[in-house]
Amino acid sequence: MADAAGTWGFTDDRGAALAAERRPERVVAYVRAGAALLDLGVRPVAVYGSGHDGDALDPVKSGGLAAAGVPYLGPGRTLDEERIRALGGADLLVDVTYDGKSPYALDEALADRLGVPLTALSVGNDLPLPAIVGRFAELAGALGASGGSPARVADAEAALRAAAARADLTVLALSGAGPEQVHLARPHAWPELARLAELGVRFADPGQGPGASWLTTDWQHAVALAPDLVLFDSRANAVPPHTVPPGARLTPWNPETPPSPAAYVRFFQDLAAALG
């Protein structure tokens, strides 16, 4: 936020203390971060994708960005300073970080070449989901937003808790990788899945094996876990479920849901309906 002298500062989740002579107005952000900021009242001038993204904006990841007319610049690692300058420049780059050390989708050297600060907010399992959402709200506030439209997270969580208790279903979250492979999510490694577990959603344990966030295995293993409900990765880079466990219902899951109250209210409401 700005001090009496008019300078602006913000400390990101890498511990980097950012400073500017004035509050940034032209924000270029990673898609997930940009969608969250838009929900919170900050409209980015452009967004970029990750190495999983192509030349078109993934509609699953976009939130309200397309409807708001925010341009998409393609994968962040392919961006150069000329393309951003052609848009009118940027005052701030906003990325996410999974390890608390490095931006996820953008080459940090780009910020150096542009001469603008780069902030990275954590979306990894080092923070619980409410803290992650809170940090994005802090950044939006520092950028002058009032918080966007109110979202009743507590009500959505209460409804989800009640639905989970009534349904008593076993849930498996996964990301398809083709007919031979599937990635099974380890719930504790994903802040939103860990939050669902706290609200009473009962997850199947993928089992032991390599991988901190996913267990990569075959579809037969997923079927053997006998889930009642499958949360499947609905992003464009994921493959639709190749095999559906007998009797299981399917519902889409975006592992990159924008970290905003409004986005998680929608996610909790959709899951409560799926459980019911």
C-alpha atoms as a PDB file:
ATOM      1  CA  MET A   1       0.000   0.000   0.000  1.00  0.00           C
ATOM      2  CA  ALA A   2       1.070   3.637  -0.438  1.00  0.00           C
ATOM      3  CA  ASP A   3       2.695   5.563   2.402  1.00  0.00           C
ATOM      4  CA  ALA A   4       2.570   9.276   3.078  1.00  0.00           C
ATOM      5  CA  ALA A   5       5.383   9.918   0.607  1.00  0.00           C
ATOM      6  CA  GLY A   6       3.404   8.284  -2.183  1.00  0.00           C
ATOM      7  CA  THR A   7       5.543   5.153  -2.575  1.00  0.00           C
ATOM      8  CA  TRP A   8       3.912   1.735  -2.904  1.00  0.00           C
ATOM      9  CA  GLY A   9       5.052  -1.508  -1.355  1.00  0.00           C
ATOM     10  CA  PHE A  10       3.984  -5.126  -0.997  1.00  0.00           C
ATOM     11  CA  THR A  11       5.789  -8.215   0.310  1.00  0.00           C
ATOM     12  CA  ASP A  12       5.004 -11.367  -1.628  1.00  0.00           C
ATOM     13  CA  ASP A  13       5.056 -15.006  -0.509  1.00  0.00           C
ATOM     14  CA  ARG A  14       8.681 -15.462  -1.504  1.00  0.00           C
ATOM     15  CA  GLY A  15       9.550 -12.796   1.028  1.00  0.00           C
ATOM     16  CA  ALA A  16      10.364 -10.321  -1.753  1.00  0.00           C
ATOM     17  CA  ALA A  17       9.665  -6.732  -0.679  1.00  0.00           C
ATOM     18  CA  LEU A  18       8.384  -4.892  -3.741  1.00  0.00           C
ATOM     19  CA  ALA A  19       8.440  -1.119  -4.089  1.00  0.00           C
ATOM     20  CA  ALA A  20       7.248   1.375  -6.669  1.00  0.00           C
ATOM     21  CA  GLU A  21       6.966   5.156  -6.804  1.00  0.00           C
ATOM     22  CA  ARG A  22       3.181   4.868  -7.159  1.00  0.00           C
ATOM     23  CA  ARG A  23       0.489   2.251  -6.870  1.00  0.00           C
ATOM     24  CA  PRO A  24       0.556  -0.062  -9.913  1.00  0.00           C
ATOM     25  CA  GLU A  25      -2.380   0.369 -12.248  1.00  0.00           C
ATOM     26  CA  ARG A  26      -1.424  -1.833 -15.204  1.00  0.00           C
ATOM     27  CA  VAL A  27      -1.263  -5.433 -13.966  1.00  0.00           C
ATOM     28  CA  VAL A  28      -0.263  -8.386 -16.157  1.00  0.00           C
ATOM     29  CA  ALA A  29      -0.939 -11.683 -14.393  1.00  0.00           C
ATOM     30  CA  TYR A  30      -0.888 -15.429 -14.667  1.00  0.00           C
ATOM     31  CA  VAL A  31      -4.378 -16.633 -15.643  1.00  0.00           C
ATOM     32  CA  ARG A  32      -5.232 -18.059 -12.226  1.00  0.00           C
ATOM     33  CA  ALA A  33      -4.018 -14.963 -10.410  1.00  0.00           C
ATOM     34  CA  GLY A  34      -5.655 -12.634 -12.913  1.00  0.00           C
ATOM     35  CA  ALA A  35      -9.036 -14.351 -12.589  1.00  0.00           C
ATOM     36  CA  ALA A  36      -8.825 -14.043  -8.800  1.00  0.00           C
ATOM     37  CA  LEU A  37      -7.875 -10.368  -8.965  1.00  0.00           C
ATOM     38  CA  LEU A  38     -10.770  -9.699 -11.346  1.00  0.00           C
ATOM     39  CA  ASP A  39     -13.173 -11.316  -8.866  1.00  0.00           C
ATOM     40  CA  LEU A  40     -11.684  -9.083  -6.168  1.00  0.00           C
ATOM     41  CA  GLY A  41     -12.107  -5.873  -8.152  1.00  0.00           C
ATOM     42  CA  VAL A  42      -8.805  -5.492 -10.039  1.00  0.00           C
ATOM     43  CA  ARG A  43      -9.002  -5.863 -13.832  1.00  0.00           C
ATOM     44  CA  PRO A  44      -5.670  -6.978 -15.333  1.00  0.00           C
ATOM     45  CA  VAL A  45      -4.635  -5.402 -18.625  1.00  0.00           C
ATOM     46  CA  ALA A  46      -3.619  -8.898 -19.833  1.00  0.00           C
ATOM     47  CA  VAL A  47      -3.016 -12.451 -18.622  1.00  0.00           C
ATOM     48  CA  TYR A  48      -0.667 -15.254 -19.640  1.00  0.00           C
ATOM     49  CA  GLY A  49      -0.693 -19.035 -19.252  1.00  0.00           C
ATOM     50  CA  SER A  50       1.643 -21.750 -18.016  1.00  0.00           C
ATOM     51  CA  GLY A  51       3.673 -24.331 -19.894  1.00  0.00           C
ATOM     52  CA  HIS A  52       0.524 -26.491 -20.018  1.00  0.00           C
ATOM     53  CA  ASP A  53      -1.388 -23.802 -21.910  1.00  0.00           C
ATOM     54  CA  GLY A  54      -1.527 -23.121 -25.613  1.00  0.00           C
ATOM     55  CA  ASP A  55      -2.216 -20.111 -27.763  1.00  0.00           C
ATOM     56  CA  ALA A  56      -5.876 -19.908 -26.708  1.00  0.00           C
ATOM     57  CA  LEU A  57      -7.197 -19.176 -23.230  1.00  0.00           C
ATOM     58  CA  ASP A  58      -8.372 -22.324 -21.439  1.00  0.00           C
ATOM     59  CA  PRO A  59     -12.054 -21.588 -20.668  1.00  0.00           C
ATOM     60  CA  VAL A  60     -11.913 -23.744 -17.529  1.00  0.00           C
ATOM     61  CA  LYS A  61      -9.133 -21.584 -16.072  1.00  0.00           C
ATOM     62  CA  SER A  62     -10.359 -18.229 -17.309  1.00  0.00           C
ATOM     63  CA  GLY A  63     -12.981 -17.336 -14.691  1.00  0.00           C
ATOM     64  CA  GLY A  64     -14.522 -14.043 -15.771  1.00  0.00           C
ATOM     65  CA  LEU A  65     -11.508 -12.900 -17.807  1.00  0.00           C
ATOM     66  CA  ALA A  66     -12.919 -13.588 -21.275  1.00  0.00           C
ATOM     67  CA  ALA A  67     -16.246 -11.918 -20.482  1.00  0.00           C
ATOM     68  CA  ALA A  68     -14.347  -8.892 -19.159  1.00  0.00           C
ATOM     69  CA  GLY A  69     -12.376  -8.665 -22.407  1.00  0.00           C
ATOM     70  CA  VAL A  70      -8.978  -9.224 -20.785  1.00  0.00           C
ATOM     71  CA  PRO A  71      -6.513 -10.251 -23.541  1.00  0.00           C
ATOM     72  CA  TYR A  72      -4.576 -13.511 -23.274  1.00  0.00           C
ATOM     73  CA  LEU A  73      -0.902 -13.442 -24.293  1.00  0.00           C
ATOM     74  CA  GLY A  74      -0.146 -17.173 -24.508  1.00  0.00           C
ATOM     75  CA  PRO A  75       2.259 -19.145 -22.287  1.00  0.00           C
ATOM     76  CA  GLY A  76       4.303 -16.975 -19.952  1.00  0.00           C
ATOM     77  CA  ARG A  77       7.647 -18.570 -20.810  1.00  0.00           C
ATOM     78  CA  THR A  78       7.256 -17.431 -24.431  1.00  0.00           C
ATOM     79  CA  LEU A  79       6.516 -13.797 -23.558  1.00  0.00           C
ATOM     80  CA  ASP A  80       8.941 -11.037 -24.415  1.00  0.00           C
ATOM     81  CA  GLU A  81       9.006  -7.437 -23.309  1.00  0.00           C
ATOM     82  CA  GLU A  82       8.048  -6.120 -26.753  1.00  0.00           C
ATOM     83  CA  ARG A  83       4.657  -7.827 -26.604  1.00  0.00           C
ATOM     84  CA  ILE A  84       3.869  -6.340 -23.207  1.00  0.00           C
ATOM     85  CA  ARG A  85       5.084  -2.917 -24.258  1.00  0.00           C
ATOM     86  CA  ALA A  86       2.852  -3.144 -27.325  1.00  0.00           C
ATOM     87  CA  LEU A  87      -0.119  -3.377 -24.958  1.00  0.00           C
ATOM     88  CA  GLY A  88       0.898  -0.131 -23.312  1.00  0.00           C
ATOM     89  CA  GLY A  89       3.281  -1.656 -20.798  1.00  0.00           C
ATOM     90  CA  ALA A  90       2.853  -3.026 -17.290  1.00  0.00           C
ATOM     91  CA  ASP A  91       3.389  -1.630 -13.794  1.00  0.00           C
ATOM     92  CA  LEU A  92       3.278  -5.017 -12.038  1.00  0.00           C
ATOM     93  CA  LEU A  93       3.543  -8.699 -12.962  1.00  0.00           C
ATOM     94  CA  VAL A  94       1.594 -11.138 -10.775  1.00  0.00           C
ATOM     95  CA  ASP A  95       2.378 -14.866 -10.733  1.00  0.00           C
ATOM     96  CA  VAL A  96       1.824 -17.746  -8.334  1.00  0.00           C
ATOM     97  CA  THR A  97       4.365 -19.930  -6.574  1.00  0.00           C
ATOM     98  CA  TYR A  98       4.122 -23.535  -5.437  1.00  0.00           C
ATOM     99  CA  ASP A  99       7.471 -23.728  -3.664  1.00  0.00           C
ATOM    100  CA  GLY A 100       7.679 -20.282  -2.090  1.00  0.00           C
ATOM    101  CA  LYS A 101      10.817 -19.556  -4.100  1.00  0.00           C
ATOM    102  CA  SER A 102      10.108 -19.222  -7.817  1.00  0.00           C
ATOM    103  CA  PRO A 103       7.296 -17.847  -9.980  1.00  0.00           C
ATOM    104  CA  TYR A 104       5.413 -20.717 -11.603  1.00  0.00           C
ATOM    105  CA  ALA A 105       4.606 -19.552 -15.118  1.00  0.00           C
ATOM    106  CA  LEU A 106       6.869 -16.643 -15.968  1.00  0.00           C
ATOM    107  CA  ASP A 107      10.583 -16.162 -16.536  1.00  0.00           C
ATOM    108  CA  GLU A 108      11.671 -13.819 -13.735  1.00  0.00           C
ATOM    109  CA  ALA A 109      14.188 -12.215 -16.079  1.00  0.00           C
ATOM    110  CA  LEU A 110      11.268 -10.710 -18.037  1.00  0.00           C
ATOM    111  CA  ALA A 111      10.425  -8.484 -15.073  1.00  0.00           C
ATOM    112  CA  ASP A 112      14.052  -7.349 -14.944  1.00  0.00           C
ATOM    113  CA  ARG A 113      14.037  -6.486 -18.635  1.00  0.00           C
ATOM    114  CA  LEU A 114      10.773  -4.562 -18.263  1.00  0.00           C
ATOM    115  CA  GLY A 115      11.991  -2.854 -15.104  1.00  0.00           C
ATOM    116  CA  VAL A 116       8.778  -3.613 -13.186  1.00  0.00           C
ATOM    117  CA  PRO A 117       8.182  -5.551  -9.950  1.00  0.00           C
ATOM    118  CA  LEU A 118       7.091  -9.193 -10.015  1.00  0.00           C
ATOM    119  CA  THR A 119       5.001 -10.564  -7.163  1.00  0.00           C
ATOM    120  CA  ALA A 120       4.310 -14.261  -6.608  1.00  0.00           C
ATOM    121  CA  LEU A 121       1.635 -15.479  -4.187  1.00  0.00           C
ATOM    122  CA  SER A 122       1.601 -18.993  -2.789  1.00  0.00           C
ATOM    123  CA  VAL A 123      -0.964 -21.526  -3.983  1.00  0.00           C
ATOM    124  CA  GLY A 124       0.923 -24.542  -2.596  1.00  0.00           C
ATOM    125  CA  ASN A 125       0.163 -26.605   0.463  1.00  0.00           C
ATOM    126  CA  ASP A 126       2.354 -24.499   2.734  1.00  0.00           C
ATOM    127  CA  LEU A 127      -0.724 -22.341   3.381  1.00  0.00           C
ATOM    128  CA  PRO A 128      -4.316 -23.399   4.126  1.00  0.00           C
ATOM    129  CA  LEU A 129      -6.946 -22.369   1.598  1.00  0.00           C
ATOM    130  CA  PRO A 130      -8.400 -19.451   3.628  1.00  0.00           C
ATOM    131  CA  ALA A 131      -4.900 -17.962   3.979  1.00  0.00           C
ATOM    132  CA  ILE A 132      -4.253 -18.304   0.232  1.00  0.00           C
ATOM    133  CA  VAL A 133      -7.508 -16.532  -0.576  1.00  0.00           C
ATOM    134  CA  GLY A 134      -6.706 -13.922   2.059  1.00  0.00           C
ATOM    135  CA  ARG A 135      -3.344 -13.130   0.497  1.00  0.00           C
ATOM    136  CA  PHE A 136      -4.931 -12.444  -2.881  1.00  0.00           C
ATOM    137  CA  ALA A 137      -7.427 -10.165  -1.136  1.00  0.00           C
ATOM    138  CA  GLU A 138      -4.494  -8.335   0.489  1.00  0.00           C
ATOM    139  CA  LEU A 139      -2.859  -7.804  -2.900  1.00  0.00           C
ATOM    140  CA  ALA A 140      -6.127  -6.622  -4.433  1.00  0.00           C
ATOM    141  CA  GLY A 141      -6.555  -4.181  -1.561  1.00  0.00           C
ATOM    142  CA  ALA A 142      -3.011  -2.909  -2.033  1.00  0.00           C
ATOM    143  CA  LEU A 143      -3.900  -2.308  -5.675  1.00  0.00           C
ATOM    144  CA  GLY A 144      -6.865  -0.163  -4.674  1.00  0.00           C
ATOM    145  CA  ALA A 145      -9.755  -2.644  -4.835  1.00  0.00           C
ATOM    146  CA  SER A 146     -12.537  -2.686  -2.302  1.00  0.00           C
ATOM    147  CA  GLY A 147     -12.842  -6.484  -2.427  1.00  0.00           C
ATOM    148  CA  GLY A 148     -15.210  -7.056  -5.344  1.00  0.00           C
ATOM    149  CA  SER A 149     -18.671  -8.539  -4.952  1.00  0.00           C
ATOM    150  CA  PRO A 150     -19.416 -10.073  -1.538  1.00  0.00           C
ATOM    151  CA  ALA A 151     -19.272 -13.865  -1.445  1.00  0.00           C
ATOM    152  CA  ARG A 152     -20.740 -15.850   1.423  1.00  0.00           C
ATOM    153  CA  VAL A 153     -18.020 -18.443   1.861  1.00  0.00           C
ATOM    154  CA  ALA A 154     -19.209 -19.482   5.327  1.00  0.00           C
ATOM    155  CA  ASP A 155     -22.698 -20.259   4.023  1.00  0.00           C
ATOM    156  CA  ALA A 156     -21.317 -22.279   1.105  1.00  0.00           C
ATOM    157  CA  GLU A 157     -19.039 -24.221   3.447  1.00  0.00           C
ATOM    158  CA  ALA A 158     -21.898 -24.943   5.837  1.00  0.00           C
ATOM    159  CA  ALA A 159     -24.036 -26.255   2.975  1.00  0.00           C
ATOM    160  CA  LEU A 160     -21.169 -28.415   1.755  1.00  0.00           C
ATOM    161  CA  ARG A 161     -20.536 -29.791   5.241  1.00  0.00           C
ATOM    162  CA  ALA A 162     -24.210 -30.740   5.536  1.00  0.00           C
ATOM    163  CA  ALA A 163     -24.239 -32.335   2.068  1.00  0.00           C
ATOM    164  CA  ALA A 164     -21.096 -34.355   2.835  1.00  0.00           C
ATOM    165  CA  ALA A 165     -22.592 -35.631   6.096  1.00  0.00           C
ATOM    166  CA  ARG A 166     -25.846 -36.671   4.414  1.00  0.00           C
ATOM    167  CA  ALA A 167     -24.236 -38.303   1.405  1.00  0.00           C
ATOM    168  CA  ASP A 168     -21.368 -40.172   3.139  1.00  0.00           C
ATOM    169  CA  LEU A 169     -19.688 -40.808  -0.208  1.00  0.00           C
ATOM    170  CA  THR A 170     -16.081 -41.673  -1.024  1.00  0.00           C
ATOM    171  CA  VAL A 171     -14.517 -39.126  -3.364  1.00  0.00           C
ATOM    172  CA  LEU A 172     -11.503 -39.517  -5.656  1.00  0.00           C
ATOM    173  CA  ALA A 173      -9.841 -36.539  -7.372  1.00  0.00           C
ATOM    174  CA  LEU A 174      -7.857 -37.300 -10.510  1.00  0.00           C
ATOM    175  CA  SER A 175      -6.353 -35.964 -13.705  1.00  0.00           C
ATOM    176  CA  GLY A 176      -6.529 -38.109 -16.815  1.00  0.00           C
ATOM    177  CA  ALA A 177      -3.344 -38.736 -18.790  1.00  0.00           C
ATOM    178  CA  GLY A 178      -4.634 -41.076 -21.513  1.00  0.00           C
ATOM    179  CA  PRO A 179      -5.818 -44.688 -21.744  1.00  0.00           C
ATOM    180  CA  GLU A 180      -2.799 -46.068 -19.889  1.00  0.00           C
ATOM    181  CA  GLN A 181      -2.214 -43.530 -17.129  1.00  0.00           C
ATOM    182  CA  VAL A 182      -4.064 -41.432 -14.589  1.00  0.00           C
ATOM    183  CA  HIS A 183      -2.820 -39.060 -11.913  1.00  0.00           C
ATOM    184  CA  LEU A 184      -4.590 -39.510  -8.559  1.00  0.00           C
ATOM    185  CA  ALA A 185      -4.530 -36.443  -6.323  1.00  0.00           C
ATOM    186  CA  ARG A 186      -3.198 -36.738  -2.796  1.00  0.00           C
ATOM    187  CA  PRO A 187      -5.816 -34.644  -0.930  1.00  0.00           C
ATOM    188  CA  HIS A 188      -3.426 -33.228   1.688  1.00  0.00           C
ATOM    189  CA  ALA A 189      -1.229 -31.791  -1.091  1.00  0.00           C
ATOM    190  CA  TRP A 190      -4.003 -29.615  -2.563  1.00  0.00           C
ATOM    191  CA  PRO A 191      -5.248 -26.766  -0.342  1.00  0.00           C
ATOM    192  CA  GLU A 192      -8.793 -26.898  -1.743  1.00  0.00           C
ATOM    193  CA  LEU A 193      -9.027 -30.682  -1.317  1.00  0.00           C
ATOM    194  CA  ALA A 194      -7.590 -30.424   2.195  1.00  0.00           C
ATOM    195  CA  ARG A 195     -10.270 -27.842   2.956  1.00  0.00           C
ATOM    196  CA  LEU A 196     -12.955 -30.179   1.605  1.00  0.00           C
ATOM    197  CA  ALA A 197     -11.661 -32.901   3.917  1.00  0.00           C
ATOM    198  CA  GLU A 198     -11.926 -30.493   6.855  1.00  0.00           C
ATOM    199  CA  LEU A 199     -15.560 -29.921   5.846  1.00  0.00           C
ATOM    200  CA  GLY A 200     -16.288 -33.634   6.003  1.00  0.00           C
ATOM    201  CA  VAL A 201     -15.707 -34.800   2.421  1.00  0.00           C
ATOM    202  CA  ARG A 202     -14.309 -38.324   2.613  1.00  0.00           C
ATOM    203  CA  PHE A 203     -11.497 -38.911   0.123  1.00  0.00           C
ATOM    204  CA  ALA A 204     -10.114 -42.199  -1.083  1.00  0.00           C
ATOM    205  CA  ASP A 205      -6.412 -42.640  -0.290  1.00  0.00           C
ATOM    206  CA  PRO A 206      -4.526 -43.138  -3.575  1.00  0.00           C
ATOM    207  CA  GLY A 207      -1.954 -45.283  -1.778  1.00  0.00           C
ATOM    208  CA  GLN A 208       1.795 -45.290  -1.470  1.00  0.00           C
ATOM    209  CA  GLY A 209       4.145 -44.467  -4.311  1.00  0.00           C
ATOM    210  CA  PRO A 210       6.226 -41.649  -5.794  1.00  0.00           C
ATOM    211  CA  GLY A 211       4.838 -38.173  -6.232  1.00  0.00           C
ATOM    212  CA  ALA A 212       4.087 -35.530  -3.612  1.00  0.00           C
ATOM    213  CA  SER A 213       0.912 -34.180  -5.227  1.00  0.00           C
ATOM    214  CA  TRP A 214      -0.155 -37.005  -7.547  1.00  0.00           C
ATOM    215  CA  LEU A 215       0.182 -40.771  -7.629  1.00  0.00           C
ATOM    216  CA  THR A 216       0.643 -41.718 -11.274  1.00  0.00           C
ATOM    217  CA  THR A 217      -0.837 -45.139 -11.904  1.00  0.00           C
ATOM    218  CA  ASP A 218      -3.198 -47.016 -14.230  1.00  0.00           C
ATOM    219  CA  TRP A 219      -6.974 -46.836 -14.468  1.00  0.00           C
ATOM    220  CA  GLN A 220      -7.369 -50.275 -12.909  1.00  0.00           C
ATOM    221  CA  HIS A 221      -5.910 -48.890  -9.690  1.00  0.00           C
ATOM    222  CA  ALA A 222      -8.412 -46.022  -9.739  1.00  0.00           C
ATOM    223  CA  VAL A 223     -11.293 -48.444 -10.289  1.00  0.00           C
ATOM    224  CA  ALA A 224     -10.100 -50.638  -7.396  1.00  0.00           C
ATOM    225  CA  LEU A 225     -10.444 -47.681  -5.016  1.00  0.00           C
ATOM    226  CA  ALA A 226     -14.227 -47.871  -5.658  1.00  0.00           C
ATOM    227  CA  PRO A 227     -15.054 -44.158  -5.341  1.00  0.00           C
ATOM    228  CA  ASP A 228     -18.670 -43.024  -5.321  1.00  0.00           C
ATOM    229  CA  LEU A 229     -17.819 -39.632  -6.826  1.00  0.00           C
ATOM    230  CA  VAL A 230     -14.913 -38.727  -9.116  1.00  0.00           C
ATOM    231  CA  LEU A 231     -13.617 -35.166  -9.312  1.00  0.00           C
ATOM    232  CA  PHE A 232     -11.932 -35.083 -12.710  1.00  0.00           C
ATOM    233  CA  ASP A 233      -9.473 -32.460 -13.886  1.00  0.00           C
ATOM    234  CA  SER A 234     -11.417 -30.484 -16.475  1.00  0.00           C
ATOM    235  CA  ARG A 235      -8.591 -28.258 -17.734  1.00  0.00           C
ATOM    236  CA  ALA A 236      -7.751 -28.337 -21.437  1.00  0.00           C
ATOM    237  CA  ASN A 237      -4.388 -30.051 -20.848  1.00  0.00           C
ATOM    238  CA  ALA A 238      -6.017 -32.992 -19.008  1.00  0.00           C
ATOM    239  CA  VAL A 239      -7.589 -36.010 -20.716  1.00  0.00           C
ATOM    240  CA  PRO A 240     -11.227 -36.880 -19.888  1.00  0.00           C
ATOM    241  CA  PRO A 241     -11.623 -39.993 -17.705  1.00  0.00           C
ATOM    242  CA  HIS A 242     -10.810 -43.064 -19.774  1.00  0.00           C
ATOM    243  CA  THR A 243     -12.470 -45.493 -17.385  1.00  0.00           C
ATOM    244  CA  VAL A 244     -15.286 -44.693 -14.993  1.00  0.00           C
ATOM    245  CA  PRO A 245     -15.336 -46.764 -11.801  1.00  0.00           C
ATOM    246  CA  PRO A 246     -18.597 -48.760 -11.695  1.00  0.00           C
ATOM    247  CA  GLY A 247     -21.398 -46.774 -10.118  1.00  0.00           C
ATOM    248  CA  ALA A 248     -19.316 -43.612  -9.712  1.00  0.00           C
ATOM    249  CA  ARG A 249     -20.651 -40.194 -10.605  1.00  0.00           C
ATOM    250  CA  LEU A 250     -18.407 -37.646 -12.320  1.00  0.00           C
ATOM    251  CA  THR A 251     -18.089 -33.945 -11.611  1.00  0.00           C
ATOM    252  CA  PRO A 252     -15.507 -31.502 -13.025  1.00  0.00           C
ATOM    253  CA  TRP A 253     -12.702 -30.089 -10.891  1.00  0.00           C
ATOM    254  CA  ASN A 254     -10.380 -27.244 -11.787  1.00  0.00           C
ATOM    255  CA  PRO A 255      -7.104 -27.698  -9.851  1.00  0.00           C
ATOM    256  CA  GLU A 256      -6.382 -24.050 -10.644  1.00  0.00           C
ATOM    257  CA  THR A 257      -9.579 -22.520  -9.303  1.00  0.00           C
ATOM    258  CA  PRO A 258      -8.991 -18.758  -8.908  1.00  0.00           C
ATOM    259  CA  PRO A 259      -8.090 -18.016  -5.255  1.00  0.00           C
ATOM    260  CA  SER A 260     -11.041 -15.711  -4.623  1.00  0.00           C
ATOM    261  CA  PRO A 261     -14.075 -16.047  -2.337  1.00  0.00           C
ATOM    262  CA  ALA A 262     -16.483 -15.916  -5.280  1.00  0.00           C
ATOM    263  CA  ALA A 263     -14.716 -18.726  -7.157  1.00  0.00           C
ATOM    264  CA  TYR A 264     -14.618 -21.014  -4.126  1.00  0.00           C
ATOM    265  CA  VAL A 265     -18.262 -20.326  -3.296  1.00  0.00           C
ATOM    266  CA  ARG A 266     -19.122 -21.581  -6.789  1.00  0.00           C
ATOM    267  CA  PHE A 267     -16.871 -24.628  -6.355  1.00  0.00           C
ATOM    268  CA  PHE A 268     -18.339 -25.515  -2.944  1.00  0.00           C
ATOM    269  CA  GLN A 269     -21.892 -25.056  -4.222  1.00  0.00           C
ATOM    270  CA  ASP A 270     -21.256 -27.263  -7.258  1.00  0.00           C
ATOM    271  CA  LEU A 271     -19.695 -29.971  -5.138  1.00  0.00           C
ATOM    272  CA  ALA A 272     -22.538 -29.850  -2.599  1.00  0.00           C
ATOM    273  CA  ALA A 273     -24.956 -30.395  -5.482  1.00  0.00           C
ATOM    274  CA  ALA A 274     -22.857 -33.289  -6.812  1.00  0.00           C
ATOM    275  CA  LEU A 275     -22.779 -34.925  -3.384  1.00  0.00           C
ATOM    276  CA  GLY A 276     -26.524 -34.562  -3.124  1.00  0.00           C
END
